[in-house]
Structure formats: C-alpha cells, structure tokens
Amino acid sequence: MKELVEIIAKSLVDNPDEVEVTEKQSGKALVLELKVAPSDMGKVIGKQGRIAKAIRSVVKAAASRDDIKVIVDIL
C-alpha cells in the first residue's frame, strides 16, 4: 500500500523527491501518512478535496483485496 500511495503522489507533485510515506499500525488499521512539500499540498488535496478523496478510494479498493483497513492521512 505504501508504494501505491508513493507512486500516485509522486506523479501529482512538482517536487517528487520530497514525497514521504510512512506506515503506522493503529489497532486493526494500517495508517499511511503522506508528506509533501508545502508548495505541492494543493495539488495532492485538489479542489474541495477531490484528489485526496480519489487517492483514498484507490487505496481502499486495493486494501479490500487483502482484507485490511487502510487510512490515508495527508500531513
């Protein structure tokens, strides 16, 4: 899952070197924290959060195949 979020984020931003994804286990859920450069934050979130919602949907669909719950946090 970490690699999936990383690939999606790097394709969206101007500074792909500053994309960081960290994994944390929180109970039964896997939490993925996405950090990007401050100038790229708008590109990852999108208008009214549409891109962020799309990223979460894709990751959720991929995680359902492995039967795990994944939460994507954009920091």
PDB file of N, CA and C in Angstrom:
ATOM      1  N   MET A   1       0.813  -1.192   0.000  1.00  0.00           N
ATOM      2  CA  MET A   1       0.000   0.000   0.000  1.00  0.00           C
ATOM      3  C   MET A   1       0.862   1.265   0.000  1.00  0.00           C
ATOM      4  N   LYS A   2       1.957   1.200   0.743  1.00  0.00           N
ATOM      5  CA  LYS A   2       2.846   2.356   0.851  1.00  0.00           C
ATOM      6  C   LYS A   2       3.364   2.763  -0.527  1.00  0.00           C
ATOM      7  N   GLU A   3       3.755   1.778  -1.317  1.00  0.00           N
ATOM      8  CA  GLU A   3       4.289   2.052  -2.649  1.00  0.00           C
ATOM      9  C   GLU A   3       3.230   2.655  -3.560  1.00  0.00           C
ATOM     10  N   LEU A   4       2.003   2.197  -3.432  1.00  0.00           N
ATOM     11  CA  LEU A   4       0.904   2.714  -4.248  1.00  0.00           C
ATOM     12  C   LEU A   4       0.676   4.198  -3.988  1.00  0.00           C
ATOM     13  N   VAL A   5       0.613   4.577  -2.715  1.00  0.00           N
ATOM     14  CA  VAL A   5       0.421   5.982  -2.361  1.00  0.00           C
ATOM     15  C   VAL A   5       1.601   6.814  -2.839  1.00  0.00           C
ATOM     16  N   GLU A   6       2.797   6.272  -2.687  1.00  0.00           N
ATOM     17  CA  GLU A   6       4.011   6.982  -3.107  1.00  0.00           C
ATOM     18  C   GLU A   6       4.018   7.234  -4.612  1.00  0.00           C
ATOM     19  N   ILE A   7       3.661   6.255  -5.405  1.00  0.00           N
ATOM     20  CA  ILE A   7       3.640   6.402  -6.865  1.00  0.00           C
ATOM     21  C   ILE A   7       2.596   7.437  -7.288  1.00  0.00           C
ATOM     22  N   ILE A   8       1.417   7.374  -6.692  1.00  0.00           N
ATOM     23  CA  ILE A   8       0.357   8.325  -7.038  1.00  0.00           C
ATOM     24  C   ILE A   8       0.781   9.742  -6.684  1.00  0.00           C
ATOM     25  N   ALA A   9       1.313   9.930  -5.480  1.00  0.00           N
ATOM     26  CA  ALA A   9       1.701  11.267  -5.031  1.00  0.00           C
ATOM     27  C   ALA A   9       2.836  11.831  -5.869  1.00  0.00           C
ATOM     28  N   LYS A  10       3.827  11.007  -6.186  1.00  0.00           N
ATOM     29  CA  LYS A  10       4.961  11.492  -6.978  1.00  0.00           C
ATOM     30  C   LYS A  10       4.544  11.913  -8.375  1.00  0.00           C
ATOM     31  N   SER A  11       3.514  11.288  -8.910  1.00  0.00           N
ATOM     32  CA  SER A  11       3.054  11.657 -10.248  1.00  0.00           C
ATOM     33  C   SER A  11       2.265  12.967 -10.245  1.00  0.00           C
ATOM     34  N   LEU A  12       1.790  13.392  -9.080  1.00  0.00           N
ATOM     35  CA  LEU A  12       0.982  14.609  -8.984  1.00  0.00           C
ATOM     36  C   LEU A  12       1.786  15.870  -8.700  1.00  0.00           C
ATOM     37  N   VAL A  13       2.899  15.746  -7.987  1.00  0.00           N
ATOM     38  CA  VAL A  13       3.601  16.915  -7.453  1.00  0.00           C
ATOM     39  C   VAL A  13       4.736  17.394  -8.365  1.00  0.00           C
ATOM     40  N   ASP A  14       5.207  18.635  -8.095  1.00  0.00           N
ATOM     41  CA  ASP A  14       6.348  19.195  -8.813  1.00  0.00           C
ATOM     42  C   ASP A  14       7.676  18.752  -8.209  1.00  0.00           C
ATOM     43  N   ASN A  15       7.680  18.438  -6.912  1.00  0.00           N
ATOM     44  CA  ASN A  15       8.897  18.014  -6.208  1.00  0.00           C
ATOM     45  C   ASN A  15       8.756  16.568  -5.728  1.00  0.00           C
ATOM     46  N   PRO A  16       8.913  15.592  -6.626  1.00  0.00           N
ATOM     47  CA  PRO A  16       8.706  14.196  -6.214  1.00  0.00           C
ATOM     48  C   PRO A  16       9.736  13.701  -5.194  1.00  0.00           C
ATOM     49  N   ASP A  17      10.887  14.389  -5.085  1.00  0.00           N
ATOM     50  CA  ASP A  17      11.900  13.969  -4.116  1.00  0.00           C
ATOM     51  C   ASP A  17      11.464  14.227  -2.681  1.00  0.00           C
ATOM     52  N   GLU A  18      10.517  15.127  -2.474  1.00  0.00           N
ATOM     53  CA  GLU A  18      10.079  15.485  -1.131  1.00  0.00           C
ATOM     54  C   GLU A  18       8.857  14.700  -0.662  1.00  0.00           C
ATOM     55  N   VAL A  19       8.427  13.729  -1.439  1.00  0.00           N
ATOM     56  CA  VAL A  19       7.270  12.901  -1.053  1.00  0.00           C
ATOM     57  C   VAL A  19       7.745  11.830  -0.072  1.00  0.00           C
ATOM     58  N   GLU A  20       7.080  11.767   1.081  1.00  0.00           N
ATOM     59  CA  GLU A  20       7.385  10.752   2.091  1.00  0.00           C
ATOM     60  C   GLU A  20       6.103  10.058   2.514  1.00  0.00           C
ATOM     61  N   VAL A  21       6.162   8.749   2.561  1.00  0.00           N
ATOM     62  CA  VAL A  21       5.014   7.975   3.040  1.00  0.00           C
ATOM     63  C   VAL A  21       5.506   7.086   4.175  1.00  0.00           C
ATOM     64  N   THR A  22       4.861   7.187   5.331  1.00  0.00           N
ATOM     65  CA  THR A  22       5.231   6.350   6.468  1.00  0.00           C
ATOM     66  C   THR A  22       4.042   5.491   6.865  1.00  0.00           C
ATOM     67  N   GLU A  23       4.340   4.285   7.313  1.00  0.00           N
ATOM     68  CA  GLU A  23       3.310   3.334   7.742  1.00  0.00           C
ATOM     69  C   GLU A  23       3.295   3.236   9.258  1.00  0.00           C
ATOM     70  N   LYS A  24       2.089   3.217   9.811  1.00  0.00           N
ATOM     71  CA  LYS A  24       1.917   3.005  11.247  1.00  0.00           C
ATOM     72  C   LYS A  24       0.760   2.050  11.442  1.00  0.00           C
ATOM     73  N   GLN A  25       0.907   1.170  12.413  1.00  0.00           N
ATOM     74  CA  GLN A  25      -0.171   0.247  12.737  1.00  0.00           C
ATOM     75  C   GLN A  25      -0.988   0.856  13.863  1.00  0.00           C
ATOM     76  N   SER A  26      -2.283   0.993  13.661  1.00  0.00           N
ATOM     77  CA  SER A  26      -3.164   1.568  14.672  1.00  0.00           C
ATOM     78  C   SER A  26      -4.316   0.602  14.909  1.00  0.00           C
ATOM     79  N   GLY A  27      -4.149  -0.262  15.885  1.00  0.00           N
ATOM     80  CA  GLY A  27      -5.175  -1.262  16.151  1.00  0.00           C
ATOM     81  C   GLY A  27      -5.271  -2.236  14.990  1.00  0.00           C
ATOM     82  N   LYS A  28      -6.452  -2.327  14.393  1.00  0.00           N
ATOM     83  CA  LYS A  28      -6.644  -3.214  13.247  1.00  0.00           C
ATOM     84  C   LYS A  28      -6.393  -2.523  11.917  1.00  0.00           C
ATOM     85  N   ALA A  29      -6.145  -1.218  11.961  1.00  0.00           N
ATOM     86  CA  ALA A  29      -5.990  -0.446  10.727  1.00  0.00           C
ATOM     87  C   ALA A  29      -4.522  -0.104  10.467  1.00  0.00           C
ATOM     88  N   LEU A  30      -4.202   0.041   9.212  1.00  0.00           N
ATOM     89  CA  LEU A  30      -2.884   0.492   8.783  1.00  0.00           C
ATOM     90  C   LEU A  30      -3.020   1.963   8.394  1.00  0.00           C
ATOM     91  N   VAL A  31      -2.229   2.825   9.021  1.00  0.00           N
ATOM     92  CA  VAL A  31      -2.301   4.258   8.753  1.00  0.00           C
ATOM     93  C   VAL A  31      -1.105   4.646   7.884  1.00  0.00           C
ATOM     94  N   LEU A  32      -1.391   5.252   6.729  1.00  0.00           N
ATOM     95  CA  LEU A  32      -0.351   5.752   5.838  1.00  0.00           C
ATOM     96  C   LEU A  32      -0.340   7.264   5.922  1.00  0.00           C
ATOM     97  N   GLU A  33       0.790   7.832   6.323  1.00  0.00           N
ATOM     98  CA  GLU A  33       0.921   9.278   6.429  1.00  0.00           C
ATOM     99  C   GLU A  33       1.700   9.791   5.232  1.00  0.00           C
ATOM    100  N   LEU A  34       1.096  10.698   4.491  1.00  0.00           N
ATOM    101  CA  LEU A  34       1.699  11.260   3.282  1.00  0.00           C
ATOM    102  C   LEU A  34       2.165  12.674   3.561  1.00  0.00           C
ATOM    103  N   LYS A  35       3.452  12.918   3.323  1.00  0.00           N
ATOM    104  CA  LYS A  35       4.018  14.259   3.491  1.00  0.00           C
ATOM    105  C   LYS A  35       4.560  14.711   2.143  1.00  0.00           C
ATOM    106  N   VAL A  36       4.206  15.938   1.751  1.00  0.00           N
ATOM    107  CA  VAL A  36       4.709  16.526   0.510  1.00  0.00           C
ATOM    108  C   VAL A  36       5.224  17.927   0.824  1.00  0.00           C
ATOM    109  N   ALA A  37       5.879  18.530  -0.146  1.00  0.00           N
ATOM    110  CA  ALA A  37       6.365  19.898   0.023  1.00  0.00           C
ATOM    111  C   ALA A  37       5.168  20.833   0.199  1.00  0.00           C
ATOM    112  N   PRO A  38       5.327  21.893   1.002  1.00  0.00           N
ATOM    113  CA  PRO A  38       4.203  22.825   1.209  1.00  0.00           C
ATOM    114  C   PRO A  38       3.645  23.405  -0.093  1.00  0.00           C
ATOM    115  N   SER A  39       4.500  23.610  -1.074  1.00  0.00           N
ATOM    116  CA  SER A  39       4.028  24.164  -2.345  1.00  0.00           C
ATOM    117  C   SER A  39       3.197  23.161  -3.149  1.00  0.00           C
ATOM    118  N   ASP A  40       3.340  21.869  -2.851  1.00  0.00           N
ATOM    119  CA  ASP A  40       2.602  20.822  -3.573  1.00  0.00           C
ATOM    120  C   ASP A  40       1.348  20.360  -2.842  1.00  0.00           C
ATOM    121  N   MET A  41       1.088  20.913  -1.675  1.00  0.00           N
ATOM    122  CA  MET A  41      -0.039  20.461  -0.869  1.00  0.00           C
ATOM    123  C   MET A  41      -1.368  20.604  -1.616  1.00  0.00           C
ATOM    124  N   GLY A  42      -1.554  21.699  -2.320  1.00  0.00           N
ATOM    125  CA  GLY A  42      -2.792  21.919  -3.067  1.00  0.00           C
ATOM    126  C   GLY A  42      -2.997  20.919  -4.181  1.00  0.00           C
ATOM    127  N   LYS A  43      -1.907  20.477  -4.791  1.00  0.00           N
ATOM    128  CA  LYS A  43      -2.008  19.502  -5.877  1.00  0.00           C
ATOM    129  C   LYS A  43      -2.431  18.140  -5.368  1.00  0.00           C
ATOM    130  N   VAL A  44      -2.020  17.803  -4.161  1.00  0.00           N
ATOM    131  CA  VAL A  44      -2.361  16.492  -3.596  1.00  0.00           C
ATOM    132  C   VAL A  44      -3.787  16.497  -3.042  1.00  0.00           C
ATOM    133  N   ILE A  45      -4.210  17.633  -2.490  1.00  0.00           N
ATOM    134  CA  ILE A  45      -5.561  17.714  -1.924  1.00  0.00           C
ATOM    135  C   ILE A  45      -6.600  17.974  -3.013  1.00  0.00           C
ATOM    136  N   GLY A  46      -6.322  18.894  -3.923  1.00  0.00           N
ATOM    137  CA  GLY A  46      -7.244  19.196  -5.008  1.00  0.00           C
ATOM    138  C   GLY A  46      -8.379  20.102  -4.562  1.00  0.00           C
ATOM    139  N   LYS A  47      -9.144  20.567  -5.528  1.00  0.00           N
ATOM    140  CA  LYS A  47     -10.286  21.430  -5.226  1.00  0.00           C
ATOM    141  C   LYS A  47     -11.323  20.649  -4.433  1.00  0.00           C
ATOM    142  N   GLN A  48     -11.694  21.211  -3.300  1.00  0.00           N
ATOM    143  CA  GLN A  48     -12.678  20.607  -2.398  1.00  0.00           C
ATOM    144  C   GLN A  48     -12.293  19.184  -1.979  1.00  0.00           C
ATOM    145  N   GLY A  49     -10.988  18.880  -1.999  1.00  0.00           N
ATOM    146  CA  GLY A  49     -10.508  17.583  -1.543  1.00  0.00           C
ATOM    147  C   GLY A  49     -10.768  16.430  -2.488  1.00  0.00           C
ATOM    148  N   ARG A  50     -11.033  16.732  -3.743  1.00  0.00           N
ATOM    149  CA  ARG A  50     -11.390  15.660  -4.692  1.00  0.00           C
ATOM    150  C   ARG A  50     -10.245  14.701  -4.954  1.00  0.00           C
ATOM    151  N   ILE A  51      -9.026  15.222  -5.110  1.00  0.00           N
ATOM    152  CA  ILE A  51      -7.891  14.336  -5.403  1.00  0.00           C
ATOM    153  C   ILE A  51      -7.561  13.490  -4.179  1.00  0.00           C
ATOM    154  N   ALA A  52      -7.603  14.100  -2.986  1.00  0.00           N
ATOM    155  CA  ALA A  52      -7.360  13.344  -1.756  1.00  0.00           C
ATOM    156  C   ALA A  52      -8.385  12.220  -1.603  1.00  0.00           C
ATOM    157  N   LYS A  53      -9.623  12.521  -1.908  1.00  0.00           N
ATOM    158  CA  LYS A  53     -10.679  11.508  -1.825  1.00  0.00           C
ATOM    159  C   LYS A  53     -10.446  10.389  -2.840  1.00  0.00           C
ATOM    160  N   ALA A  54      -9.977  10.752  -4.029  1.00  0.00           N
ATOM    161  CA  ALA A  54      -9.698   9.750  -5.059  1.00  0.00           C
ATOM    162  C   ALA A  54      -8.535   8.844  -4.648  1.00  0.00           C
ATOM    163  N   ILE A  55      -7.497   9.442  -4.052  1.00  0.00           N
ATOM    164  CA  ILE A  55      -6.362   8.644  -3.573  1.00  0.00           C
ATOM    165  C   ILE A  55      -6.836   7.654  -2.518  1.00  0.00           C
ATOM    166  N   ARG A  56      -7.652   8.136  -1.594  1.00  0.00           N
ATOM    167  CA  ARG A  56      -8.169   7.258  -0.534  1.00  0.00           C
ATOM    168  C   ARG A  56      -9.038   6.139  -1.106  1.00  0.00           C
ATOM    169  N   SER A  57      -9.811   6.445  -2.137  1.00  0.00           N
ATOM    170  CA  SER A  57     -10.670   5.428  -2.756  1.00  0.00           C
ATOM    171  C   SER A  57      -9.852   4.336  -3.430  1.00  0.00           C
ATOM    172  N   VAL A  58      -8.802   4.730  -4.139  1.00  0.00           N
ATOM    173  CA  VAL A  58      -7.957   3.750  -4.825  1.00  0.00           C
ATOM    174  C   VAL A  58      -7.256   2.854  -3.812  1.00  0.00           C
ATOM    175  N   VAL A  59      -6.733   3.449  -2.754  1.00  0.00           N
ATOM    176  CA  VAL A  59      -6.036   2.667  -1.729  1.00  0.00           C
ATOM    177  C   VAL A  59      -7.007   1.745  -1.004  1.00  0.00           C
ATOM    178  N   LYS A  60      -8.204   2.236  -0.734  1.00  0.00           N
ATOM    179  CA  LYS A  60      -9.212   1.410  -0.063  1.00  0.00           C
ATOM    180  C   LYS A  60      -9.595   0.208  -0.924  1.00  0.00           C
ATOM    181  N   ALA A  61      -9.712   0.429  -2.234  1.00  0.00           N
ATOM    182  CA  ALA A  61     -10.050  -0.666  -3.141  1.00  0.00           C
ATOM    183  C   ALA A  61      -8.931  -1.700  -3.181  1.00  0.00           C
ATOM    184  N   ALA A  62      -7.680  -1.234  -3.207  1.00  0.00           N
ATOM    185  CA  ALA A  62      -6.552  -2.160  -3.217  1.00  0.00           C
ATOM    186  C   ALA A  62      -6.443  -2.909  -1.889  1.00  0.00           C
ATOM    187  N   ALA A  63      -6.755  -2.246  -0.795  1.00  0.00           N
ATOM    188  CA  ALA A  63      -6.665  -2.871   0.526  1.00  0.00           C
ATOM    189  C   ALA A  63      -7.777  -3.890   0.746  1.00  0.00           C
ATOM    190  N   SER A  64      -8.928  -3.674   0.140  1.00  0.00           N
ATOM    191  CA  SER A  64     -10.034  -4.614   0.328  1.00  0.00           C
ATOM    192  C   SER A  64      -9.699  -5.978  -0.266  1.00  0.00           C
ATOM    193  N   ARG A  65      -8.824  -5.982  -1.247  1.00  0.00           N
ATOM    194  CA  ARG A  65      -8.391  -7.239  -1.847  1.00  0.00           C
ATOM    195  C   ARG A  65      -7.597  -8.071  -0.830  1.00  0.00           C
ATOM    196  N   ASP A  66      -6.813  -7.365   0.017  1.00  0.00           N
ATOM    197  CA  ASP A  66      -6.021  -8.035   1.047  1.00  0.00           C
ATOM    198  C   ASP A  66      -6.764  -8.126   2.376  1.00  0.00           C
ATOM    199  N   ASP A  67      -7.987  -7.622   2.412  1.00  0.00           N
ATOM    200  CA  ASP A  67      -8.858  -7.674   3.590  1.00  0.00           C
ATOM    201  C   ASP A  67      -8.263  -6.945   4.794  1.00  0.00           C
ATOM    202  N   ILE A  68      -7.711  -5.739   4.541  1.00  0.00           N
ATOM    203  CA  ILE A  68      -7.206  -4.894   5.622  1.00  0.00           C
ATOM    204  C   ILE A  68      -7.806  -3.502   5.493  1.00  0.00           C
ATOM    205  N   LYS A  69      -7.842  -2.772   6.603  1.00  0.00           N
ATOM    206  CA  LYS A  69      -8.357  -1.409   6.584  1.00  0.00           C
ATOM    207  C   LYS A  69      -7.169  -0.455   6.526  1.00  0.00           C
ATOM    208  N   VAL A  70      -7.205   0.457   5.576  1.00  0.00           N
ATOM    209  CA  VAL A  70      -6.120   1.419   5.398  1.00  0.00           C
ATOM    210  C   VAL A  70      -6.677   2.835   5.496  1.00  0.00           C
ATOM    211  N   ILE A  71      -5.987   3.675   6.267  1.00  0.00           N
ATOM    212  CA  ILE A  71      -6.351   5.079   6.411  1.00  0.00           C
ATOM    213  C   ILE A  71      -5.211   5.899   5.841  1.00  0.00           C
ATOM    214  N   VAL A  72      -5.525   6.853   4.947  1.00  0.00           N
ATOM    215  CA  VAL A  72      -4.510   7.721   4.352  1.00  0.00           C
ATOM    216  C   VAL A  72      -4.657   9.102   4.968  1.00  0.00           C
ATOM    217  N   ASP A  73      -3.599   9.555   5.663  1.00  0.00           N
ATOM    218  CA  ASP A  73      -3.569  10.881   6.250  1.00  0.00           C
ATOM    219  C   ASP A  73      -2.602  11.748   5.459  1.00  0.00           C
ATOM    220  N   ILE A  74      -3.033  12.929   5.076  1.00  0.00           N
ATOM    221  CA  ILE A  74      -2.166  13.875   4.375  1.00  0.00           C
ATOM    222  C   ILE A  74      -1.735  14.917   5.389  1.00  0.00           C
ATOM    223  N   LEU A  75      -0.433  14.985   5.640  1.00  0.00           N
ATOM    224  CA  LEU A  75       0.095  15.879   6.665  1.00  0.00           C
ATOM    225  C   LEU A  75       0.643  17.148   6.046  1.00  0.00           C
TER     226      LEU A  75
END
